[in-house]
Amino acid sequence: MLKDVLIEENIQVQNEIDSWEAAIETASRPLLESGKIEYGYVEEMIQNVHELGPYIVISPQIAIAHARPDGTVNAVSLSLLKLGSPVNFSERDHEASLIFVLAAVDNEQHLDILRDLAVKLGDQDVVNSLLATTSKKEIYNILS
């Protein structure tokens, strides 16, 4: 399921970024451009972190930005922004270099994607390989 939604065009590589808000916006760009999500979804993800804190940082160097399905998602989708220098999502060292955006149209369709992603990212060798590369093609191959 993961390889069906994380296509190579949804992967971006960038050296650094100014803020975690910009990271979420940038990571969302391929999904916006393809019509998978609307900008309201991006705003909701950012607002959630402002209100709830850095809960999207699921482990060191990994963030999965998401929001509740609310009509601003047109198709289940996933994108990734890989940063050379991590961005901090709080004042307490919640840094991430791998910023995923997960968009779901309901409360169930995305669960297989999350499971596949958790299996991949639960392997520290996979995470280390992702952090070490600057190639979109290599990132795609590692995750698919």
N, C-alpha and C. Protein backbone atom coordinates (compact mmCIF):
# COMPACT_ATOMS: atom_id res chain seq x y z
N MET A 1 0.83 -1.20 0.00
CA MET A 1 0.00 0.00 0.00
C MET A 1 0.87 1.26 0.00
N LEU A 2 1.97 1.25 0.75
CA LEU A 2 2.85 2.40 0.84
C LEU A 2 3.38 2.80 -0.54
N LYS A 3 3.79 1.82 -1.32
CA LYS A 3 4.35 2.14 -2.64
C LYS A 3 3.31 2.68 -3.61
N ASP A 4 2.04 2.46 -3.32
CA ASP A 4 0.98 2.98 -4.17
C ASP A 4 0.73 4.46 -3.96
N VAL A 5 1.02 4.98 -2.78
CA VAL A 5 0.73 6.38 -2.49
C VAL A 5 1.97 7.27 -2.41
N LEU A 6 3.11 6.70 -2.04
CA LEU A 6 4.33 7.51 -1.98
C LEU A 6 5.08 7.34 -3.30
N ILE A 7 4.62 8.08 -4.30
CA ILE A 7 5.27 8.03 -5.60
C ILE A 7 6.48 8.97 -5.58
N GLU A 8 7.39 8.74 -6.48
CA GLU A 8 8.64 9.52 -6.49
C GLU A 8 8.39 11.02 -6.61
N GLU A 9 7.32 11.41 -7.32
CA GLU A 9 7.00 12.83 -7.49
C GLU A 9 6.59 13.49 -6.18
N ASN A 10 6.21 12.69 -5.17
CA ASN A 10 5.80 13.23 -3.87
C ASN A 10 6.96 13.34 -2.89
N ILE A 11 8.16 13.06 -3.33
CA ILE A 11 9.36 13.13 -2.48
C ILE A 11 10.16 14.37 -2.87
N GLN A 12 10.55 15.12 -1.86
CA GLN A 12 11.38 16.30 -2.07
C GLN A 12 12.61 16.21 -1.16
N VAL A 13 13.71 16.72 -1.64
CA VAL A 13 14.94 16.77 -0.86
C VAL A 13 15.40 18.23 -0.83
N GLN A 14 15.69 18.69 0.37
CA GLN A 14 16.11 20.09 0.55
C GLN A 14 17.13 20.11 1.68
N ASN A 15 18.10 20.99 1.60
CA ASN A 15 19.14 21.04 2.62
C ASN A 15 18.61 21.50 3.97
N GLU A 16 17.92 22.64 3.99
CA GLU A 16 17.40 23.16 5.25
C GLU A 16 16.14 23.97 4.99
N ILE A 17 15.47 24.33 6.09
CA ILE A 17 14.23 25.09 5.99
C ILE A 17 14.14 25.99 7.22
N ASP A 18 13.42 27.09 7.09
CA ASP A 18 13.38 28.11 8.14
C ASP A 18 12.60 27.72 9.39
N SER A 19 11.52 26.96 9.24
CA SER A 19 10.66 26.65 10.38
C SER A 19 9.91 25.36 10.15
N TRP A 20 9.35 24.82 11.23
CA TRP A 20 8.55 23.60 11.08
C TRP A 20 7.28 23.87 10.29
N GLU A 21 6.73 25.08 10.40
CA GLU A 21 5.55 25.42 9.61
C GLU A 21 5.88 25.38 8.12
N ALA A 22 7.02 25.95 7.76
CA ALA A 22 7.46 25.91 6.37
C ALA A 22 7.74 24.48 5.92
N ALA A 23 8.22 23.65 6.83
CA ALA A 23 8.47 22.25 6.49
C ALA A 23 7.17 21.53 6.14
N ILE A 24 6.13 21.77 6.92
CA ILE A 24 4.83 21.14 6.63
C ILE A 24 4.28 21.67 5.31
N GLU A 25 4.38 22.97 5.11
CA GLU A 25 3.89 23.55 3.84
C GLU A 25 4.66 22.98 2.65
N THR A 26 5.96 22.91 2.76
CA THR A 26 6.78 22.41 1.66
C THR A 26 6.51 20.92 1.42
N ALA A 27 6.43 20.15 2.49
CA ALA A 27 6.15 18.71 2.35
C ALA A 27 4.79 18.48 1.70
N SER A 28 3.86 19.40 1.90
CA SER A 28 2.51 19.28 1.35
C SER A 28 2.41 19.66 -0.12
N ARG A 29 3.38 20.40 -0.61
CA ARG A 29 3.30 20.97 -1.96
C ARG A 29 2.97 19.97 -3.06
N PRO A 30 3.59 18.79 -3.12
CA PRO A 30 3.23 17.85 -4.20
C PRO A 30 1.76 17.40 -4.13
N LEU A 31 1.24 17.28 -2.93
CA LEU A 31 -0.15 16.86 -2.77
C LEU A 31 -1.11 17.99 -3.16
N LEU A 32 -0.73 19.22 -2.87
CA LEU A 32 -1.52 20.37 -3.30
C LEU A 32 -1.52 20.49 -4.83
N GLU A 33 -0.34 20.38 -5.41
CA GLU A 33 -0.20 20.55 -6.86
C GLU A 33 -0.94 19.47 -7.65
N SER A 34 -1.03 18.27 -7.07
CA SER A 34 -1.72 17.17 -7.76
C SER A 34 -3.21 17.13 -7.43
N GLY A 35 -3.67 18.04 -6.57
CA GLY A 35 -5.08 18.09 -6.23
C GLY A 35 -5.53 17.06 -5.20
N LYS A 36 -4.57 16.38 -4.57
CA LYS A 36 -4.92 15.37 -3.56
C LYS A 36 -5.45 16.02 -2.28
N ILE A 37 -4.92 17.22 -1.96
CA ILE A 37 -5.39 17.96 -0.78
C ILE A 37 -5.64 19.41 -1.18
N GLU A 38 -6.35 20.11 -0.32
CA GLU A 38 -6.57 21.53 -0.47
C GLU A 38 -5.78 22.26 0.62
N TYR A 39 -5.56 23.56 0.44
CA TYR A 39 -4.70 24.28 1.38
C TYR A 39 -5.26 24.28 2.80
N GLY A 40 -6.55 24.17 2.96
CA GLY A 40 -7.14 24.10 4.30
C GLY A 40 -6.59 22.95 5.11
N TYR A 41 -6.21 21.87 4.45
CA TYR A 41 -5.61 20.73 5.16
C TYR A 41 -4.25 21.10 5.73
N VAL A 42 -3.47 21.83 4.96
CA VAL A 42 -2.15 22.30 5.42
C VAL A 42 -2.33 23.20 6.64
N GLU A 43 -3.27 24.12 6.55
CA GLU A 43 -3.54 25.02 7.68
C GLU A 43 -3.96 24.24 8.93
N GLU A 44 -4.77 23.22 8.75
CA GLU A 44 -5.23 22.41 9.88
C GLU A 44 -4.07 21.65 10.53
N MET A 45 -3.15 21.10 9.72
CA MET A 45 -2.00 20.40 10.28
C MET A 45 -1.14 21.34 11.12
N ILE A 46 -0.90 22.53 10.61
CA ILE A 46 -0.08 23.51 11.32
C ILE A 46 -0.80 23.96 12.60
N GLN A 47 -2.08 24.22 12.51
CA GLN A 47 -2.85 24.64 13.68
C GLN A 47 -2.83 23.56 14.77
N ASN A 48 -2.93 22.30 14.36
CA ASN A 48 -2.89 21.19 15.33
C ASN A 48 -1.59 21.19 16.14
N VAL A 49 -0.47 21.42 15.48
CA VAL A 49 0.81 21.43 16.19
C VAL A 49 0.87 22.64 17.12
N HIS A 50 0.37 23.78 16.67
CA HIS A 50 0.33 24.96 17.55
C HIS A 50 -0.50 24.67 18.80
N GLU A 51 -1.62 23.99 18.63
CA GLU A 51 -2.52 23.74 19.76
C GLU A 51 -2.09 22.54 20.63
N LEU A 52 -1.61 21.48 19.99
CA LEU A 52 -1.36 20.23 20.70
C LEU A 52 0.12 19.95 20.97
N GLY A 53 0.99 20.73 20.40
CA GLY A 53 2.42 20.50 20.57
C GLY A 53 2.95 19.57 19.49
N PRO A 54 4.20 19.15 19.63
CA PRO A 54 4.90 18.41 18.57
C PRO A 54 4.57 16.91 18.53
N TYR A 55 3.29 16.58 18.68
CA TYR A 55 2.88 15.17 18.69
C TYR A 55 3.18 14.46 17.38
N ILE A 56 3.38 15.21 16.30
CA ILE A 56 3.64 14.57 15.01
C ILE A 56 5.06 14.04 14.90
N VAL A 57 5.95 14.44 15.80
CA VAL A 57 7.32 13.90 15.82
C VAL A 57 7.22 12.56 16.54
N ILE A 58 7.18 11.48 15.75
CA ILE A 58 6.89 10.15 16.30
C ILE A 58 8.12 9.44 16.85
N SER A 59 9.29 9.87 16.41
CA SER A 59 10.56 9.34 16.93
C SER A 59 11.65 10.30 16.48
N PRO A 60 12.84 10.15 17.01
CA PRO A 60 13.90 11.08 16.60
C PRO A 60 14.05 11.12 15.07
N GLN A 61 14.02 12.31 14.53
CA GLN A 61 14.22 12.59 13.10
C GLN A 61 13.02 12.30 12.21
N ILE A 62 11.88 11.88 12.78
CA ILE A 62 10.72 11.52 11.95
C ILE A 62 9.47 12.23 12.44
N ALA A 63 8.81 12.94 11.52
CA ALA A 63 7.52 13.57 11.80
C ALA A 63 6.52 13.11 10.75
N ILE A 64 5.30 12.85 11.20
CA ILE A 64 4.21 12.52 10.27
C ILE A 64 3.09 13.53 10.52
N ALA A 65 3.05 14.54 9.68
CA ALA A 65 2.02 15.57 9.79
C ALA A 65 0.71 15.03 9.22
N HIS A 66 -0.38 15.33 9.91
CA HIS A 66 -1.70 14.88 9.50
C HIS A 66 -2.75 15.68 10.25
N ALA A 67 -3.97 15.56 9.81
CA ALA A 67 -5.10 16.20 10.47
C ALA A 67 -6.31 15.30 10.26
N ARG A 68 -7.38 15.61 10.97
CA ARG A 68 -8.61 14.82 10.80
C ARG A 68 -9.19 15.03 9.42
N PRO A 69 -9.79 13.99 8.88
CA PRO A 69 -10.49 14.16 7.60
C PRO A 69 -11.62 15.17 7.76
N ASP A 70 -11.64 16.20 6.89
CA ASP A 70 -12.65 17.24 7.05
C ASP A 70 -13.13 17.80 5.72
N GLY A 71 -12.95 17.07 4.67
CA GLY A 71 -13.38 17.54 3.36
C GLY A 71 -12.32 18.26 2.56
N THR A 72 -11.14 18.48 3.14
CA THR A 72 -10.05 19.16 2.42
C THR A 72 -9.05 18.16 1.85
N VAL A 73 -9.36 16.86 1.98
CA VAL A 73 -8.54 15.80 1.37
C VAL A 73 -9.38 15.15 0.28
N ASN A 74 -8.82 15.12 -0.92
CA ASN A 74 -9.54 14.57 -2.07
C ASN A 74 -9.16 13.13 -2.37
N ALA A 75 -8.02 12.67 -1.87
CA ALA A 75 -7.57 11.30 -2.08
C ALA A 75 -6.54 10.94 -1.01
N VAL A 76 -6.56 9.69 -0.60
CA VAL A 76 -5.54 9.21 0.35
C VAL A 76 -4.18 9.41 -0.31
N SER A 77 -3.26 10.04 0.40
CA SER A 77 -1.98 10.34 -0.20
C SER A 77 -0.90 10.52 0.86
N LEU A 78 0.35 10.47 0.40
CA LEU A 78 1.50 10.58 1.28
C LEU A 78 2.61 11.30 0.53
N SER A 79 3.29 12.19 1.23
CA SER A 79 4.46 12.86 0.65
C SER A 79 5.56 12.88 1.70
N LEU A 80 6.77 13.22 1.25
CA LEU A 80 7.93 13.26 2.14
C LEU A 80 8.84 14.41 1.75
N LEU A 81 9.23 15.17 2.76
CA LEU A 81 10.29 16.17 2.62
C LEU A 81 11.47 15.66 3.44
N LYS A 82 12.60 15.45 2.78
CA LYS A 82 13.81 15.01 3.46
C LYS A 82 14.75 16.21 3.55
N LEU A 83 15.10 16.58 4.78
CA LEU A 83 15.97 17.72 5.02
C LEU A 83 17.39 17.27 5.36
N GLY A 84 18.38 18.02 4.89
CA GLY A 84 19.76 17.75 5.25
C GLY A 84 20.05 18.14 6.69
N SER A 85 19.42 19.23 7.14
CA SER A 85 19.53 19.69 8.52
C SER A 85 18.15 19.64 9.14
N PRO A 86 18.01 19.03 10.31
CA PRO A 86 16.68 18.87 10.90
C PRO A 86 16.05 20.20 11.29
N VAL A 87 14.73 20.20 11.33
CA VAL A 87 13.96 21.35 11.79
C VAL A 87 13.37 20.96 13.15
N ASN A 88 13.30 21.93 14.06
CA ASN A 88 12.82 21.66 15.41
C ASN A 88 11.34 22.03 15.51
N PHE A 89 10.54 21.11 16.01
CA PHE A 89 9.10 21.32 16.15
C PHE A 89 8.72 21.86 17.52
N SER A 90 9.69 22.09 18.39
CA SER A 90 9.41 22.67 19.70
C SER A 90 10.70 23.24 20.27
N GLU A 91 10.58 23.82 21.45
CA GLU A 91 11.76 24.32 22.15
C GLU A 91 12.48 23.20 22.91
N ARG A 92 11.90 22.02 22.90
CA ARG A 92 12.45 20.91 23.68
C ARG A 92 13.03 19.80 22.81
N ASP A 93 13.66 20.17 21.74
CA ASP A 93 14.40 19.21 20.93
C ASP A 93 13.52 18.12 20.31
N HIS A 94 12.52 18.52 19.57
CA HIS A 94 11.72 17.59 18.77
C HIS A 94 12.10 17.81 17.31
N GLU A 95 13.31 17.35 16.96
CA GLU A 95 13.84 17.59 15.63
C GLU A 95 13.46 16.48 14.67
N ALA A 96 13.27 16.88 13.40
CA ALA A 96 12.97 15.90 12.36
C ALA A 96 13.62 16.32 11.05
N SER A 97 14.16 15.35 10.36
CA SER A 97 14.70 15.54 9.02
C SER A 97 13.83 14.87 7.97
N LEU A 98 12.99 13.95 8.41
CA LEU A 98 12.06 13.25 7.52
C LEU A 98 10.66 13.70 7.90
N ILE A 99 10.06 14.55 7.06
CA ILE A 99 8.74 15.09 7.35
C ILE A 99 7.76 14.52 6.33
N PHE A 100 6.93 13.61 6.80
CA PHE A 100 5.90 13.01 5.97
C PHE A 100 4.61 13.81 6.14
N VAL A 101 3.81 13.85 5.10
CA VAL A 101 2.44 14.37 5.18
C VAL A 101 1.53 13.23 4.77
N LEU A 102 0.64 12.87 5.67
CA LEU A 102 -0.33 11.81 5.43
C LEU A 102 -1.71 12.44 5.34
N ALA A 103 -2.39 12.20 4.24
CA ALA A 103 -3.73 12.74 4.05
C ALA A 103 -4.72 11.59 3.89
N ALA A 104 -5.79 11.65 4.66
CA ALA A 104 -6.80 10.60 4.63
C ALA A 104 -8.17 11.21 4.41
N VAL A 105 -9.01 10.49 3.68
CA VAL A 105 -10.36 10.98 3.42
C VAL A 105 -11.35 10.51 4.48
N ASP A 106 -10.96 9.50 5.25
CA ASP A 106 -11.82 9.01 6.33
C ASP A 106 -10.94 8.47 7.44
N ASN A 107 -11.53 7.84 8.43
CA ASN A 107 -10.76 7.35 9.58
C ASN A 107 -10.17 5.96 9.38
N GLU A 108 -10.34 5.35 8.20
CA GLU A 108 -9.89 3.97 8.02
C GLU A 108 -8.94 3.75 6.85
N GLN A 109 -9.15 4.43 5.73
CA GLN A 109 -8.41 4.12 4.51
C GLN A 109 -6.90 4.24 4.66
N HIS A 110 -6.43 5.07 5.54
CA HIS A 110 -4.99 5.33 5.66
C HIS A 110 -4.28 4.36 6.61
N LEU A 111 -5.03 3.49 7.29
CA LEU A 111 -4.42 2.63 8.31
C LEU A 111 -3.39 1.67 7.74
N ASP A 112 -3.63 1.12 6.55
CA ASP A 112 -2.64 0.24 5.92
C ASP A 112 -1.36 1.00 5.59
N ILE A 113 -1.51 2.24 5.16
CA ILE A 113 -0.34 3.07 4.86
C ILE A 113 0.46 3.31 6.14
N LEU A 114 -0.23 3.66 7.21
CA LEU A 114 0.46 3.89 8.49
C LEU A 114 1.17 2.65 8.97
N ARG A 115 0.53 1.50 8.82
CA ARG A 115 1.16 0.25 9.25
C ARG A 115 2.43 -0.03 8.44
N ASP A 116 2.33 0.12 7.12
CA ASP A 116 3.51 -0.10 6.26
C ASP A 116 4.62 0.88 6.60
N LEU A 117 4.25 2.13 6.83
CA LEU A 117 5.23 3.15 7.16
C LEU A 117 5.88 2.85 8.51
N ALA A 118 5.09 2.41 9.48
CA ALA A 118 5.63 2.08 10.80
C ALA A 118 6.62 0.93 10.72
N VAL A 119 6.32 -0.05 9.90
CA VAL A 119 7.24 -1.19 9.74
C VAL A 119 8.56 -0.70 9.15
N LYS A 120 8.48 0.09 8.08
CA LYS A 120 9.70 0.61 7.45
C LYS A 120 10.51 1.48 8.42
N LEU A 121 9.83 2.42 9.07
CA LEU A 121 10.53 3.38 9.93
C LEU A 121 10.91 2.78 11.28
N GLY A 122 10.39 1.61 11.59
CA GLY A 122 10.78 0.90 12.80
C GLY A 122 12.13 0.22 12.66
N ASP A 123 12.63 0.17 11.45
CA ASP A 123 13.93 -0.43 11.15
C ASP A 123 14.97 0.69 11.11
N GLN A 124 15.85 0.74 12.10
CA GLN A 124 16.83 1.82 12.19
C GLN A 124 17.77 1.87 10.99
N ASP A 125 18.03 0.73 10.37
CA ASP A 125 18.86 0.73 9.16
C ASP A 125 18.17 1.48 8.03
N VAL A 126 16.86 1.32 7.91
CA VAL A 126 16.10 2.04 6.90
C VAL A 126 16.16 3.54 7.19
N VAL A 127 15.92 3.92 8.44
CA VAL A 127 15.96 5.33 8.81
C VAL A 127 17.35 5.91 8.54
N ASN A 128 18.39 5.20 8.92
CA ASN A 128 19.76 5.68 8.68
C ASN A 128 20.03 5.85 7.19
N SER A 129 19.54 4.92 6.37
CA SER A 129 19.71 5.03 4.92
C SER A 129 18.98 6.25 4.38
N LEU A 130 17.77 6.49 4.86
CA LEU A 130 17.01 7.65 4.43
C LEU A 130 17.72 8.95 4.82
N LEU A 131 18.26 8.99 6.02
CA LEU A 131 18.94 10.19 6.49
C LEU A 131 20.25 10.42 5.74
N ALA A 132 20.87 9.37 5.25
CA ALA A 132 22.17 9.48 4.61
C ALA A 132 22.09 9.89 3.14
N THR A 133 20.98 9.66 2.49
CA THR A 133 20.90 9.91 1.05
C THR A 133 20.34 11.29 0.73
N THR A 134 20.68 11.78 -0.45
CA THR A 134 20.10 13.01 -0.97
C THR A 134 19.41 12.75 -2.31
N SER A 135 19.23 11.49 -2.64
CA SER A 135 18.63 11.10 -3.91
C SER A 135 17.16 10.75 -3.75
N LYS A 136 16.29 11.45 -4.49
CA LYS A 136 14.86 11.12 -4.46
C LYS A 136 14.63 9.68 -4.89
N LYS A 137 15.34 9.25 -5.92
CA LYS A 137 15.18 7.88 -6.44
C LYS A 137 15.56 6.87 -5.38
N GLU A 138 16.66 7.11 -4.67
CA GLU A 138 17.09 6.19 -3.62
C GLU A 138 16.09 6.17 -2.47
N ILE A 139 15.57 7.33 -2.09
CA ILE A 139 14.55 7.39 -1.03
C ILE A 139 13.34 6.57 -1.45
N TYR A 140 12.90 6.76 -2.68
CA TYR A 140 11.76 6.01 -3.19
C TYR A 140 12.03 4.51 -3.15
N ASN A 141 13.22 4.11 -3.60
CA ASN A 141 13.57 2.69 -3.60
C ASN A 141 13.62 2.11 -2.18
N ILE A 142 14.14 2.87 -1.24
CA ILE A 142 14.21 2.41 0.16
C ILE A 142 12.81 2.19 0.72
N LEU A 143 11.90 3.11 0.42
CA LEU A 143 10.55 3.03 1.00
C LEU A 143 9.59 2.14 0.22
N SER A 144 9.95 1.81 -1.02
CA SER A 144 9.06 0.94 -1.79
C SER A 144 9.69 -0.41 -1.96
